[in-house]
Amino acid sequence: MVAIETTHTPPVFSTIVPGDASQGVRVTYFGETPTQNDPYSCDYDPTTGAPYPRVTHMEFYCDDSATEFANFYEVAQNATDGCDYTLRFRTSIACVGAAAGAKLSGGWVFCIVVMVVGALYAIIGAIVTWRKEGIL
């Protein structure tokens, strides 16, 4: 069994096309630079002689016709760096204004109705008890 240690570098969020959020968003995760004893070592940078760090890019492209949360459609590996991967997804959630046009599902409507009815029951019950019994 091989244990691989990782660092917890925060992800970097950016747009796929710089300055244009309408195309989608990119999330980049940076991993640890592998050691020389690592069985899953990365290619070496010819300018520094050090191995490239592990990097994963997840690109979420705007697709209004997507019906699922995210449809995975492509994986790519950097030609000069074997530890740099890009995963591409199509999703309607990455479209600008997607949240504004979102609709409530039947489950949320049910929860809202139950909460409103419960609140009305408690309020009306308190008023009736106060008027009839003189207590609250």
N, C-alpha and C. Protein backbone atom coordinates (compact mmCIF):
# COMPACT_ATOMS: atom_id res chain seq x y z
N MET A 1 0.85 -1.17 0.00
CA MET A 1 0.00 0.00 0.00
C MET A 1 0.90 1.24 0.00
N VAL A 2 0.56 2.20 -0.82
CA VAL A 2 1.33 3.43 -0.94
C VAL A 2 0.48 4.57 -0.39
N ALA A 3 1.06 5.32 0.54
CA ALA A 3 0.36 6.48 1.10
C ALA A 3 0.83 7.73 0.37
N ILE A 4 -0.12 8.51 -0.11
CA ILE A 4 0.21 9.75 -0.81
C ILE A 4 -0.27 10.89 0.05
N GLU A 5 0.65 11.75 0.46
CA GLU A 5 0.28 12.91 1.26
C GLU A 5 -0.10 14.06 0.34
N THR A 6 -1.06 14.85 0.78
CA THR A 6 -1.46 16.02 -0.02
C THR A 6 -1.51 17.24 0.87
N THR A 7 -1.37 18.37 0.27
CA THR A 7 -1.53 19.63 1.00
C THR A 7 -2.92 20.15 0.72
N HIS A 8 -3.39 21.01 1.58
CA HIS A 8 -4.74 21.55 1.42
C HIS A 8 -4.67 22.99 0.96
N THR A 9 -4.22 23.18 -0.25
CA THR A 9 -4.18 24.50 -0.85
C THR A 9 -5.59 24.85 -1.31
N PRO A 10 -6.08 26.04 -0.99
CA PRO A 10 -7.43 26.38 -1.41
C PRO A 10 -7.55 26.42 -2.93
N PRO A 11 -8.70 26.03 -3.45
CA PRO A 11 -8.88 26.07 -4.91
C PRO A 11 -8.92 27.50 -5.43
N VAL A 12 -8.62 27.65 -6.70
CA VAL A 12 -8.65 28.95 -7.37
C VAL A 12 -9.85 28.95 -8.33
N PHE A 13 -10.70 29.95 -8.23
CA PHE A 13 -11.86 30.07 -9.08
C PHE A 13 -11.59 31.15 -10.13
N SER A 14 -11.93 30.87 -11.38
CA SER A 14 -11.75 31.85 -12.45
C SER A 14 -12.77 31.57 -13.55
N THR A 15 -12.86 32.47 -14.50
CA THR A 15 -13.73 32.24 -15.66
C THR A 15 -12.92 31.51 -16.73
N ILE A 16 -13.59 30.72 -17.55
CA ILE A 16 -12.90 29.97 -18.60
C ILE A 16 -12.31 30.94 -19.61
N VAL A 17 -13.11 31.90 -20.06
CA VAL A 17 -12.63 32.97 -20.92
C VAL A 17 -12.40 34.16 -20.01
N PRO A 18 -11.17 34.66 -19.90
CA PRO A 18 -10.90 35.76 -18.95
C PRO A 18 -11.86 36.94 -19.12
N GLY A 19 -12.52 37.28 -18.02
CA GLY A 19 -13.43 38.42 -18.02
C GLY A 19 -14.81 38.14 -18.58
N ASP A 20 -15.10 36.91 -19.00
CA ASP A 20 -16.39 36.59 -19.60
C ASP A 20 -17.00 35.39 -18.88
N ALA A 21 -17.85 35.65 -17.90
CA ALA A 21 -18.45 34.59 -17.11
C ALA A 21 -19.54 33.83 -17.87
N SER A 22 -19.98 34.33 -19.02
CA SER A 22 -21.07 33.68 -19.75
C SER A 22 -20.66 32.33 -20.34
N GLN A 23 -19.37 32.09 -20.50
CA GLN A 23 -18.91 30.81 -21.06
C GLN A 23 -18.85 29.71 -20.01
N GLY A 24 -18.62 30.07 -18.77
CA GLY A 24 -18.52 29.10 -17.69
C GLY A 24 -17.43 29.46 -16.71
N VAL A 25 -17.18 28.55 -15.76
CA VAL A 25 -16.19 28.80 -14.72
C VAL A 25 -15.20 27.65 -14.63
N ARG A 26 -14.02 27.97 -14.08
CA ARG A 26 -12.96 26.98 -13.89
C ARG A 26 -12.57 26.96 -12.41
N VAL A 27 -12.45 25.76 -11.87
CA VAL A 27 -11.96 25.58 -10.51
C VAL A 27 -10.64 24.82 -10.62
N THR A 28 -9.57 25.36 -10.04
CA THR A 28 -8.26 24.75 -10.13
C THR A 28 -7.79 24.33 -8.75
N TYR A 29 -7.43 23.06 -8.61
CA TYR A 29 -6.90 22.52 -7.37
C TYR A 29 -5.42 22.23 -7.56
N PHE A 30 -4.60 22.72 -6.64
CA PHE A 30 -3.17 22.47 -6.69
C PHE A 30 -2.81 21.43 -5.64
N GLY A 31 -2.13 20.39 -6.08
CA GLY A 31 -1.69 19.36 -5.16
C GLY A 31 -0.24 19.56 -4.77
N GLU A 32 0.27 18.60 -4.07
CA GLU A 32 1.65 18.65 -3.61
C GLU A 32 2.59 18.29 -4.75
N THR A 33 3.75 18.91 -4.77
CA THR A 33 4.78 18.53 -5.73
C THR A 33 5.33 17.17 -5.29
N PRO A 34 5.32 16.17 -6.16
CA PRO A 34 5.76 14.84 -5.76
C PRO A 34 7.26 14.80 -5.43
N THR A 35 7.61 13.91 -4.54
CA THR A 35 9.02 13.71 -4.20
C THR A 35 9.65 12.76 -5.21
N GLN A 36 10.96 12.62 -5.14
CA GLN A 36 11.65 11.73 -6.09
C GLN A 36 11.33 10.27 -5.82
N ASN A 37 10.91 9.94 -4.59
CA ASN A 37 10.57 8.55 -4.25
C ASN A 37 9.12 8.21 -4.54
N ASP A 38 8.35 9.18 -4.97
CA ASP A 38 6.92 8.99 -5.23
C ASP A 38 6.74 8.05 -6.42
N PRO A 39 5.98 6.94 -6.23
CA PRO A 39 5.77 6.02 -7.36
C PRO A 39 4.92 6.63 -8.48
N TYR A 40 4.21 7.70 -8.18
CA TYR A 40 3.39 8.38 -9.17
C TYR A 40 4.00 9.75 -9.47
N SER A 41 5.27 9.77 -9.77
CA SER A 41 5.96 11.04 -9.97
C SER A 41 5.50 11.73 -11.24
N CYS A 42 5.74 13.03 -11.26
CA CYS A 42 5.35 13.85 -12.41
C CYS A 42 6.57 14.11 -13.29
N ASP A 43 6.32 14.65 -14.48
CA ASP A 43 7.41 15.03 -15.37
C ASP A 43 8.22 16.14 -14.73
N TYR A 44 9.44 16.31 -15.21
CA TYR A 44 10.33 17.34 -14.67
C TYR A 44 10.32 18.59 -15.54
N ASP A 45 10.32 19.73 -14.88
CA ASP A 45 10.39 21.02 -15.55
C ASP A 45 11.82 21.22 -16.05
N PRO A 46 12.02 21.37 -17.36
CA PRO A 46 13.39 21.48 -17.88
C PRO A 46 14.12 22.74 -17.41
N THR A 47 13.39 23.77 -17.05
CA THR A 47 14.06 25.00 -16.61
C THR A 47 14.54 24.92 -15.16
N THR A 48 13.81 24.21 -14.30
CA THR A 48 14.18 24.14 -12.89
C THR A 48 14.76 22.79 -12.49
N GLY A 49 14.44 21.75 -13.24
CA GLY A 49 14.88 20.40 -12.89
C GLY A 49 14.03 19.75 -11.82
N ALA A 50 13.02 20.46 -11.31
CA ALA A 50 12.12 19.93 -10.28
C ALA A 50 10.87 19.36 -10.94
N PRO A 51 10.24 18.38 -10.28
CA PRO A 51 9.00 17.84 -10.85
C PRO A 51 7.88 18.88 -10.82
N TYR A 52 7.02 18.81 -11.83
CA TYR A 52 5.85 19.69 -11.86
C TYR A 52 4.93 19.32 -10.70
N PRO A 53 4.18 20.28 -10.14
CA PRO A 53 3.20 19.95 -9.10
C PRO A 53 1.96 19.31 -9.74
N ARG A 54 1.20 18.60 -8.93
CA ARG A 54 -0.06 18.03 -9.41
C ARG A 54 -1.10 19.15 -9.48
N VAL A 55 -1.81 19.23 -10.62
CA VAL A 55 -2.82 20.27 -10.82
C VAL A 55 -4.03 19.64 -11.49
N THR A 56 -5.23 19.97 -10.99
CA THR A 56 -6.47 19.51 -11.61
C THR A 56 -7.36 20.72 -11.87
N HIS A 57 -7.77 20.88 -13.12
CA HIS A 57 -8.69 21.95 -13.52
C HIS A 57 -10.05 21.30 -13.79
N MET A 58 -11.09 21.84 -13.20
CA MET A 58 -12.45 21.39 -13.51
C MET A 58 -13.16 22.56 -14.16
N GLU A 59 -13.53 22.38 -15.43
CA GLU A 59 -14.18 23.45 -16.18
C GLU A 59 -15.65 23.13 -16.35
N PHE A 60 -16.50 24.06 -15.93
CA PHE A 60 -17.95 23.90 -16.02
C PHE A 60 -18.45 24.87 -17.08
N TYR A 61 -18.83 24.32 -18.25
CA TYR A 61 -19.28 25.13 -19.37
C TYR A 61 -20.79 25.33 -19.31
N CYS A 62 -21.22 26.53 -19.68
CA CYS A 62 -22.65 26.86 -19.71
C CYS A 62 -23.32 26.07 -20.83
N ASP A 63 -24.37 25.33 -20.48
CA ASP A 63 -25.18 24.60 -21.45
C ASP A 63 -26.62 24.63 -20.96
N ASP A 64 -27.45 25.52 -21.55
CA ASP A 64 -28.84 25.67 -21.12
C ASP A 64 -29.67 24.41 -21.31
N SER A 65 -29.25 23.52 -22.20
CA SER A 65 -30.03 22.32 -22.46
C SER A 65 -29.68 21.16 -21.52
N ALA A 66 -28.67 21.32 -20.68
CA ALA A 66 -28.27 20.25 -19.75
C ALA A 66 -29.37 20.03 -18.71
N THR A 67 -29.76 18.78 -18.53
CA THR A 67 -30.84 18.47 -17.58
C THR A 67 -30.30 17.94 -16.26
N GLU A 68 -29.09 17.42 -16.24
CA GLU A 68 -28.49 16.92 -15.02
C GLU A 68 -27.62 18.00 -14.40
N PHE A 69 -27.16 17.77 -13.16
CA PHE A 69 -26.32 18.76 -12.48
C PHE A 69 -25.10 19.10 -13.31
N ALA A 70 -24.34 18.09 -13.73
CA ALA A 70 -23.14 18.32 -14.55
C ALA A 70 -22.89 17.08 -15.40
N ASN A 71 -22.83 17.26 -16.70
CA ASN A 71 -22.56 16.16 -17.62
C ASN A 71 -21.08 16.17 -17.97
N PHE A 72 -20.36 15.15 -17.51
CA PHE A 72 -18.94 15.03 -17.81
C PHE A 72 -18.79 14.64 -19.27
N TYR A 73 -17.92 15.35 -20.02
CA TYR A 73 -17.79 15.00 -21.42
C TYR A 73 -16.36 14.90 -21.92
N GLU A 74 -15.37 15.33 -21.16
CA GLU A 74 -14.02 15.25 -21.69
C GLU A 74 -12.98 15.34 -20.57
N VAL A 75 -11.88 14.62 -20.77
CA VAL A 75 -10.72 14.76 -19.89
C VAL A 75 -9.51 15.01 -20.77
N ALA A 76 -8.65 15.90 -20.33
CA ALA A 76 -7.45 16.21 -21.12
C ALA A 76 -6.25 16.23 -20.19
N GLN A 77 -5.11 15.84 -20.74
CA GLN A 77 -3.86 15.87 -19.99
C GLN A 77 -2.90 16.81 -20.71
N ASN A 78 -2.23 17.65 -19.96
CA ASN A 78 -1.27 18.58 -20.53
C ASN A 78 -0.17 17.80 -21.25
N ALA A 79 0.15 18.20 -22.47
CA ALA A 79 1.13 17.47 -23.28
C ALA A 79 2.54 17.57 -22.72
N THR A 80 2.85 18.64 -22.00
CA THR A 80 4.21 18.79 -21.47
C THR A 80 4.30 18.49 -19.98
N ASP A 81 3.16 18.28 -19.32
CA ASP A 81 3.15 18.02 -17.88
C ASP A 81 2.15 16.90 -17.59
N GLY A 82 2.67 15.72 -17.26
CA GLY A 82 1.82 14.56 -17.04
C GLY A 82 0.97 14.63 -15.78
N CYS A 83 1.16 15.62 -14.94
CA CYS A 83 0.39 15.75 -13.70
C CYS A 83 -0.56 16.95 -13.73
N ASP A 84 -0.93 17.38 -14.91
CA ASP A 84 -1.83 18.52 -15.09
C ASP A 84 -3.03 18.02 -15.90
N TYR A 85 -4.17 17.86 -15.23
CA TYR A 85 -5.36 17.31 -15.86
C TYR A 85 -6.47 18.35 -15.92
N THR A 86 -7.30 18.25 -16.95
CA THR A 86 -8.47 19.11 -17.09
C THR A 86 -9.69 18.22 -17.30
N LEU A 87 -10.70 18.41 -16.44
CA LEU A 87 -11.97 17.69 -16.56
C LEU A 87 -13.01 18.71 -17.02
N ARG A 88 -13.77 18.38 -18.05
CA ARG A 88 -14.75 19.33 -18.59
C ARG A 88 -16.17 18.80 -18.41
N PHE A 89 -17.05 19.70 -17.98
CA PHE A 89 -18.44 19.37 -17.71
C PHE A 89 -19.33 20.38 -18.41
N ARG A 90 -20.52 19.94 -18.80
CA ARG A 90 -21.56 20.83 -19.31
C ARG A 90 -22.66 20.88 -18.27
N THR A 91 -23.09 22.09 -17.93
CA THR A 91 -24.13 22.24 -16.91
C THR A 91 -24.87 23.56 -17.10
N SER A 92 -26.15 23.57 -16.77
CA SER A 92 -26.92 24.82 -16.86
C SER A 92 -26.64 25.71 -15.66
N ILE A 93 -26.08 25.16 -14.61
CA ILE A 93 -25.81 25.93 -13.40
C ILE A 93 -24.69 26.94 -13.63
N ALA A 94 -23.80 26.68 -14.57
CA ALA A 94 -22.69 27.60 -14.85
C ALA A 94 -23.11 28.78 -15.71
N CYS A 95 -24.36 28.80 -16.17
CA CYS A 95 -24.82 29.90 -17.02
C CYS A 95 -25.10 31.14 -16.17
N VAL A 96 -24.75 32.30 -16.69
CA VAL A 96 -24.99 33.55 -15.99
C VAL A 96 -26.49 33.72 -15.80
N GLY A 97 -26.90 34.00 -14.57
CA GLY A 97 -28.32 34.17 -14.28
C GLY A 97 -29.06 32.87 -14.05
N ALA A 98 -28.34 31.75 -13.94
CA ALA A 98 -29.01 30.46 -13.74
C ALA A 98 -29.77 30.43 -12.42
N ALA A 99 -29.20 31.03 -11.39
CA ALA A 99 -29.86 31.02 -10.09
C ALA A 99 -31.13 31.86 -10.10
N ALA A 100 -31.14 32.92 -10.88
CA ALA A 100 -32.32 33.80 -10.92
C ALA A 100 -33.51 33.09 -11.56
N GLY A 101 -33.26 32.19 -12.49
CA GLY A 101 -34.35 31.51 -13.17
C GLY A 101 -34.69 30.16 -12.55
N ALA A 102 -34.06 29.82 -11.45
CA ALA A 102 -34.30 28.52 -10.83
C ALA A 102 -35.71 28.45 -10.26
N LYS A 103 -36.32 27.28 -10.36
CA LYS A 103 -37.66 27.07 -9.84
C LYS A 103 -37.59 26.17 -8.62
N LEU A 104 -38.61 26.30 -7.76
CA LEU A 104 -38.69 25.44 -6.58
C LEU A 104 -39.21 24.07 -6.98
N SER A 105 -38.61 23.04 -6.42
CA SER A 105 -39.10 21.69 -6.69
C SER A 105 -40.32 21.43 -5.80
N GLY A 106 -41.02 20.34 -6.08
CA GLY A 106 -42.19 19.97 -5.30
C GLY A 106 -41.89 19.75 -3.84
N GLY A 107 -40.69 19.22 -3.54
CA GLY A 107 -40.30 18.98 -2.15
C GLY A 107 -40.18 20.27 -1.36
N TRP A 108 -39.59 21.30 -1.98
CA TRP A 108 -39.46 22.58 -1.31
C TRP A 108 -40.82 23.24 -1.11
N VAL A 109 -41.69 23.12 -2.09
CA VAL A 109 -43.04 23.69 -1.96
C VAL A 109 -43.75 23.03 -0.78
N PHE A 110 -43.64 21.70 -0.65
CA PHE A 110 -44.25 20.96 0.45
C PHE A 110 -43.69 21.45 1.79
N CYS A 111 -42.37 21.60 1.89
CA CYS A 111 -41.75 22.07 3.14
C CYS A 111 -42.23 23.46 3.52
N ILE A 112 -42.32 24.34 2.54
CA ILE A 112 -42.79 25.70 2.81
C ILE A 112 -44.24 25.69 3.29
N VAL A 113 -45.09 24.90 2.64
CA VAL A 113 -46.50 24.80 3.05
C VAL A 113 -46.60 24.26 4.47
N VAL A 114 -45.85 23.23 4.80
CA VAL A 114 -45.89 22.65 6.15
C VAL A 114 -45.44 23.69 7.19
N MET A 115 -44.39 24.45 6.90
CA MET A 115 -43.91 25.46 7.85
C MET A 115 -44.93 26.57 8.03
N VAL A 116 -45.55 27.03 6.96
CA VAL A 116 -46.56 28.10 7.05
C VAL A 116 -47.77 27.61 7.83
N VAL A 117 -48.26 26.41 7.52
CA VAL A 117 -49.41 25.85 8.23
C VAL A 117 -49.09 25.66 9.70
N GLY A 118 -47.89 25.16 10.01
CA GLY A 118 -47.48 24.98 11.41
C GLY A 118 -47.42 26.30 12.16
N ALA A 119 -46.88 27.33 11.52
CA ALA A 119 -46.81 28.65 12.16
C ALA A 119 -48.20 29.21 12.39
N LEU A 120 -49.09 29.10 11.39
CA LEU A 120 -50.47 29.58 11.55
C LEU A 120 -51.19 28.82 12.66
N TYR A 121 -51.00 27.51 12.76
CA TYR A 121 -51.61 26.69 13.81
C TYR A 121 -51.17 27.19 15.19
N ALA A 122 -49.86 27.45 15.33
CA ALA A 122 -49.35 27.91 16.62
C ALA A 122 -49.89 29.30 16.96
N ILE A 123 -49.92 30.20 15.99
CA ILE A 123 -50.39 31.57 16.25
C ILE A 123 -51.87 31.59 16.56
N ILE A 124 -52.68 30.90 15.75
CA ILE A 124 -54.13 30.86 15.97
C ILE A 124 -54.44 30.16 17.29
N GLY A 125 -53.72 29.08 17.59
CA GLY A 125 -53.92 28.37 18.87
C GLY A 125 -53.61 29.25 20.06
N ALA A 126 -52.54 30.05 19.95
CA ALA A 126 -52.19 30.95 21.05
C ALA A 126 -53.26 32.02 21.24
N ILE A 127 -53.80 32.56 20.16
CA ILE A 127 -54.85 33.59 20.25
C ILE A 127 -56.12 33.01 20.86
N VAL A 128 -56.54 31.83 20.42
CA VAL A 128 -57.75 31.19 20.94
C VAL A 128 -57.58 30.88 22.42
N THR A 129 -56.44 30.34 22.80
CA THR A 129 -56.18 30.03 24.21
C THR A 129 -56.18 31.29 25.05
N TRP A 130 -55.61 32.35 24.58
CA TRP A 130 -55.55 33.61 25.31
C TRP A 130 -56.95 34.18 25.51
N ARG A 131 -57.78 34.10 24.46
CA ARG A 131 -59.14 34.66 24.57
C ARG A 131 -60.02 33.78 25.45
N LYS A 132 -59.93 32.44 25.31
CA LYS A 132 -60.81 31.54 26.06
C LYS A 132 -60.37 31.41 27.50
N GLU A 133 -59.11 31.16 27.71
CA GLU A 133 -58.62 30.84 29.04
C GLU A 133 -57.99 32.04 29.75
N GLY A 134 -57.65 33.04 28.99
CA GLY A 134 -57.01 34.19 29.60
C GLY A 134 -55.53 33.93 29.89
N ILE A 135 -55.01 32.85 29.33
CA ILE A 135 -53.58 32.54 29.49
C ILE A 135 -52.95 32.34 28.14
N LEU A 136 -51.67 32.40 28.16
CA LEU A 136 -50.95 32.19 26.90
C LEU A 136 -49.98 31.08 27.04
